[in-house]
Protein backbone atom coordinates (compact mmCIF):
# COMPACT_ATOMS: atom_id res chain seq x y z
CA MET A 1 -9.42 1.58 -14.55
CA ARG A 2 -9.00 3.90 -11.60
CA ILE A 3 -8.61 1.85 -8.44
CA VAL A 4 -7.85 2.44 -4.77
CA LEU A 5 -6.27 -0.53 -2.97
CA VAL A 6 -6.88 -0.87 0.76
CA GLY A 7 -6.17 -3.47 3.41
CA PRO A 8 -4.28 -3.90 6.68
CA PRO A 9 -0.48 -3.98 6.86
CA GLY A 10 0.68 -7.46 5.95
CA ALA A 11 -2.22 -8.14 3.56
CA GLY A 12 0.15 -8.05 0.58
CA LYS A 13 -0.97 -4.74 -0.91
CA GLY A 14 2.43 -3.86 -2.35
CA THR A 15 2.82 -7.20 -4.11
CA GLN A 16 -0.71 -7.19 -5.47
CA ALA A 17 -0.56 -3.53 -6.48
CA THR A 18 2.51 -4.17 -8.64
CA ARG A 19 0.98 -7.25 -10.28
CA LEU A 20 -2.45 -5.70 -10.86
CA ALA A 21 -1.04 -2.45 -12.25
CA GLU A 22 1.10 -4.42 -14.72
CA THR A 23 -1.83 -6.56 -15.85
CA LEU A 24 -4.22 -3.61 -16.13
CA ARG A 25 -1.51 -1.46 -17.75
CA VAL A 26 -1.92 1.46 -15.40
CA PRO A 27 0.70 3.11 -13.14
CA HIS A 28 1.04 1.92 -9.55
CA ILE A 29 1.03 5.05 -7.41
CA SER A 30 2.12 4.49 -3.81
CA THR A 31 2.47 7.10 -1.09
CA GLY A 32 6.02 5.97 -0.36
CA ASP A 33 7.07 6.33 -3.99
CA LEU A 34 5.46 9.78 -4.17
CA PHE A 35 7.42 11.01 -1.18
CA ARG A 36 10.71 9.49 -2.33
CA ALA A 37 10.35 10.88 -5.87
CA ASN A 38 9.44 14.40 -4.78
CA ILE A 39 12.18 14.53 -2.14
CA SER A 40 14.90 13.11 -4.41
CA GLN A 41 13.90 15.48 -7.25
CA GLN A 42 13.78 18.37 -4.75
CA THR A 43 10.38 19.56 -5.95
CA GLU A 44 8.68 22.29 -3.94
CA LEU A 45 6.30 19.69 -2.50
CA GLY A 46 9.24 17.43 -1.73
CA LYS A 47 11.08 20.18 0.13
CA LEU A 48 7.92 20.98 2.08
CA ALA A 49 7.33 17.34 3.00
CA LYS A 50 10.97 16.91 4.04
CA SER A 51 10.76 19.93 6.34
CA TYR A 52 7.93 18.26 8.26
CA MET A 53 9.67 14.87 8.30
CA ASP A 54 12.98 16.33 9.48
CA ALA A 55 11.14 17.99 12.35
CA GLY A 56 9.62 14.63 13.31
CA ASN A 57 6.12 15.72 12.29
CA LEU A 58 3.51 14.06 10.07
CA VAL A 59 3.24 15.47 6.56
CA PRO A 60 -0.11 17.34 6.35
CA ASP A 61 -2.87 15.84 4.22
CA GLU A 62 -2.84 18.78 1.81
CA VAL A 63 0.80 18.10 0.87
CA THR A 64 0.16 14.40 0.28
CA ILE A 65 -2.96 15.21 -1.74
CA ALA A 66 -1.06 17.75 -3.87
CA MET A 67 1.62 15.13 -4.63
CA ALA A 68 -1.03 12.54 -5.57
CA LYS A 69 -2.86 15.07 -7.78
CA ASP A 70 0.35 15.96 -9.61
CA ARG A 71 1.15 12.27 -10.21
CA MET A 72 -2.36 11.43 -11.43
CA GLU A 73 -2.08 14.24 -13.99
CA GLN A 74 0.98 12.66 -15.65
CA PRO A 75 0.44 11.27 -19.19
CA ASP A 76 0.85 7.60 -18.18
CA ALA A 77 -2.13 7.93 -15.82
CA GLU A 78 -4.46 9.29 -18.46
CA ASN A 79 -6.31 5.97 -18.81
CA GLY A 80 -6.21 4.96 -15.17
CA PHE A 81 -4.10 4.32 -12.08
CA LEU A 82 -3.88 2.17 -9.00
CA LEU A 83 -3.52 4.06 -5.72
CA ASP A 84 -1.74 2.19 -2.92
CA GLY A 85 -1.46 3.78 0.54
CA PHE A 86 -3.59 6.77 -0.44
CA PRO A 87 -6.10 7.82 0.72
CA ARG A 88 -5.24 6.90 4.32
CA ASN A 89 -8.25 8.50 6.00
CA VAL A 90 -11.72 9.81 5.21
CA SER A 91 -10.60 13.42 4.81
CA GLN A 92 -8.06 12.32 2.18
CA ALA A 93 -10.77 10.23 0.48
CA GLN A 94 -13.06 13.26 0.34
CA ALA A 95 -10.23 15.41 -1.03
CA LEU A 96 -9.48 12.75 -3.66
CA ASP A 97 -13.13 12.80 -4.74
CA GLU A 98 -12.93 16.57 -5.16
CA VAL A 99 -9.74 16.31 -7.22
CA LEU A 100 -11.22 13.65 -9.50
CA GLU A 101 -14.50 15.52 -9.84
CA SER A 102 -12.65 18.66 -10.90
CA GLU A 103 -11.06 16.60 -13.68
CA GLY A 104 -14.40 15.08 -14.70
CA ILE A 105 -13.37 11.55 -13.76
CA LYS A 106 -14.21 9.12 -10.96
CA LEU A 107 -12.99 5.94 -9.30
CA ASP A 108 -14.03 2.60 -10.79
CA ALA A 109 -13.45 0.47 -7.71
CA VAL A 110 -11.98 0.25 -4.23
CA LEU A 111 -10.33 -3.15 -3.80
CA ASP A 112 -10.36 -4.25 -0.16
CA LEU A 113 -7.88 -7.03 0.70
CA GLU A 114 -9.07 -8.91 3.78
CA ALA A 115 -6.82 -10.95 6.07
CA PRO A 116 -7.40 -12.14 9.67
CA GLU A 117 -5.56 -10.03 12.22
CA GLU A 118 -3.60 -12.94 13.69
CA GLU A 119 -2.47 -13.97 10.20
CA VAL A 120 -1.25 -10.41 9.57
CA VAL A 121 0.72 -10.44 12.83
CA LYS A 122 2.20 -13.84 11.94
CA ARG A 123 3.22 -12.68 8.47
CA ILE A 124 4.98 -9.52 9.60
CA ALA A 125 6.41 -10.61 12.96
CA GLY A 126 7.86 -13.73 11.34
CA ARG A 127 9.98 -11.82 8.83
CA ARG A 128 13.76 -11.98 9.15
CA VAL A 129 16.02 -9.71 7.11
CA CYS A 130 19.69 -10.11 6.21
CA ARG A 131 21.90 -7.46 7.83
CA ASN A 132 24.11 -7.28 4.73
CA GLU A 133 23.44 -4.86 1.91
CA SER A 134 21.45 -7.48 -0.03
CA ALA A 135 18.72 -7.35 2.69
CA HIS A 136 17.25 -10.68 1.55
CA VAL A 137 14.03 -11.53 3.38
CA PHE A 138 13.13 -14.86 4.96
CA HIS A 139 10.28 -16.00 7.20
CA VAL A 140 10.24 -18.29 10.23
CA SER A 141 7.20 -20.14 8.84
CA TYR A 142 6.86 -19.53 5.11
CA ASN A 143 10.42 -19.16 3.83
CA GLN A 144 12.87 -20.62 6.32
CA PRO A 145 16.61 -20.37 5.69
CA ALA A 146 18.57 -23.62 5.47
CA LYS A 147 20.36 -22.65 8.69
CA GLU A 148 18.49 -20.72 11.36
CA GLY A 149 19.59 -17.09 11.60
CA VAL A 150 21.81 -17.24 8.48
CA CYS A 151 21.04 -15.86 5.02
CA ASP A 152 21.03 -18.59 2.36
CA VAL A 153 22.29 -16.15 -0.28
CA CYS A 154 25.28 -14.42 1.32
CA GLY A 155 25.69 -15.97 4.77
CA GLY A 156 24.80 -12.74 6.56
CA GLU A 157 23.04 -12.59 9.92
CA LEU A 158 19.24 -12.59 9.83
CA TYR A 159 17.43 -10.31 12.26
CA GLN A 160 13.96 -8.99 13.06
CA ARG A 161 13.52 -5.29 12.28
CA ASP A 162 12.12 -3.17 15.10
CA ASP A 163 9.03 -2.28 13.07
CA ASP A 164 8.34 -5.99 12.51
CA SER A 165 8.01 -6.82 16.22
CA GLU A 166 4.61 -8.11 17.32
CA GLU A 167 4.04 -5.08 19.56
CA THR A 168 4.74 -2.66 16.71
CA VAL A 169 2.60 -4.64 14.27
CA ARG A 170 -0.37 -4.54 16.64
CA LYS A 171 0.07 -0.77 17.03
CA ARG A 172 0.12 -0.40 13.24
CA LEU A 173 -3.07 -2.45 13.03
CA GLU A 174 -4.69 -0.23 15.64
CA VAL A 175 -3.83 2.84 13.56
CA TYR A 176 -5.25 1.11 10.47
CA HIS A 177 -8.51 0.27 12.24
CA THR A 178 -9.02 3.78 13.61
CA GLN A 179 -7.74 5.90 10.69
CA THR A 180 -7.84 3.96 7.42
CA GLU A 181 -10.55 1.32 7.80
CA PRO A 182 -13.35 3.96 7.96
CA ILE A 183 -12.70 4.79 4.29
CA ILE A 184 -14.14 1.37 3.42
CA ASP A 185 -17.55 2.43 4.75
CA TYR A 186 -17.13 5.79 3.04
CA TYR A 187 -16.62 4.09 -0.32
CA LYS A 188 -19.26 1.43 0.35
CA ALA A 189 -21.80 4.25 0.48
CA GLN A 190 -20.75 5.02 -3.10
CA GLY A 191 -21.04 1.37 -4.15
CA LEU A 192 -17.34 1.15 -5.01
CA VAL A 193 -15.98 -1.49 -2.61
CA VAL A 194 -14.94 -4.91 -3.92
CA THR A 195 -13.75 -7.19 -1.10
CA ILE A 196 -11.57 -10.27 -1.63
CA SER A 197 -9.64 -12.63 0.62
CA ALA A 198 -5.90 -11.96 0.81
CA MET A 199 -5.28 -15.55 1.95
CA GLY A 200 -3.58 -18.11 -0.28
CA ALA A 201 -0.88 -18.10 -2.94
CA VAL A 202 0.09 -14.79 -4.54
CA ASP A 203 -1.14 -15.92 -7.99
CA GLU A 204 -4.48 -17.01 -6.53
CA ILE A 205 -5.03 -13.64 -4.86
CA THR A 206 -4.15 -11.77 -8.07
CA GLY A 207 -6.57 -13.91 -10.07
CA ARG A 208 -9.26 -13.41 -7.44
CA ALA A 209 -8.76 -9.63 -7.58
CA LEU A 210 -8.86 -9.45 -11.38
CA GLU A 211 -12.02 -11.56 -11.50
CA ALA A 212 -13.68 -9.39 -8.85
CA LEU A 213 -12.74 -6.20 -10.69
CA LYS A 214 -14.01 -7.65 -13.96
CA ARG A 215 -17.37 -8.49 -12.37
CA ASP A 216 -17.54 -5.04 -10.81
CA ASP A 217 -16.78 -3.42 -14.15
CA ALA A 218 -19.38 -5.47 -16.02
C-alpha cells in the first residue's frame, strides 16, 4: 500500500507510522529522517538543504520533493510506502501526484488521525524530558514519575522543552490548520481520505487504522 499519514502535532503520527509500516511491511518515510539521512550522507540534496537551514531559512519544496522522490525509488519501497510529514501543503501534494503519475503509480489512501485540539495541547504541553543523555520522557498526566521533577530511570532533572510549551504548541497547531490541513480537502476530492480517531490506547488506534485501511482497500 502507498499511504500518506496526516494529523495535527500530538496526534501520535510517529508512533502509528512506525507500527503501521511494520505491519504492512512497507518503509516508513518521514521528512525528518529524509533530511537527517541526506545531510549525514552529504548528498547533493543534503548539502543544499543544509545551506538553507544554516542560513535560518526554510528548505524549498522542490528540495524536499526531490528527497522524497529519491527515497520512494529505493528497492524497499517498490511495493509501497508510508509517508509521514510529507506532503505538508497542497503544492507538495500536487507535486507528489505528478511524481507518482510519472512512475505509473498512485496513492491508495490518506489516513487522517483526528484528535481534539485541547487534547493535543494537553499531550504535548504535559511532556517532561530528562536533562541527562538518556532523555527519558514522562508526562504530568499520563506517565508521572514516582517523584515530581525527577527521572525514574537515572534520577536526572525533568524539564519542559521550549517547543513543548502551550504557547508554542498552539502556534504549531495554527501552522497545521493553515498549511497542512488543506491537503485533507485536496485528497478528499480524490476519494482517498480515511479518517479515524486518534484517541485511546496505542494498540486500539493501530487496530482502528488497519481496519479502516482494509475497508478502504476492499
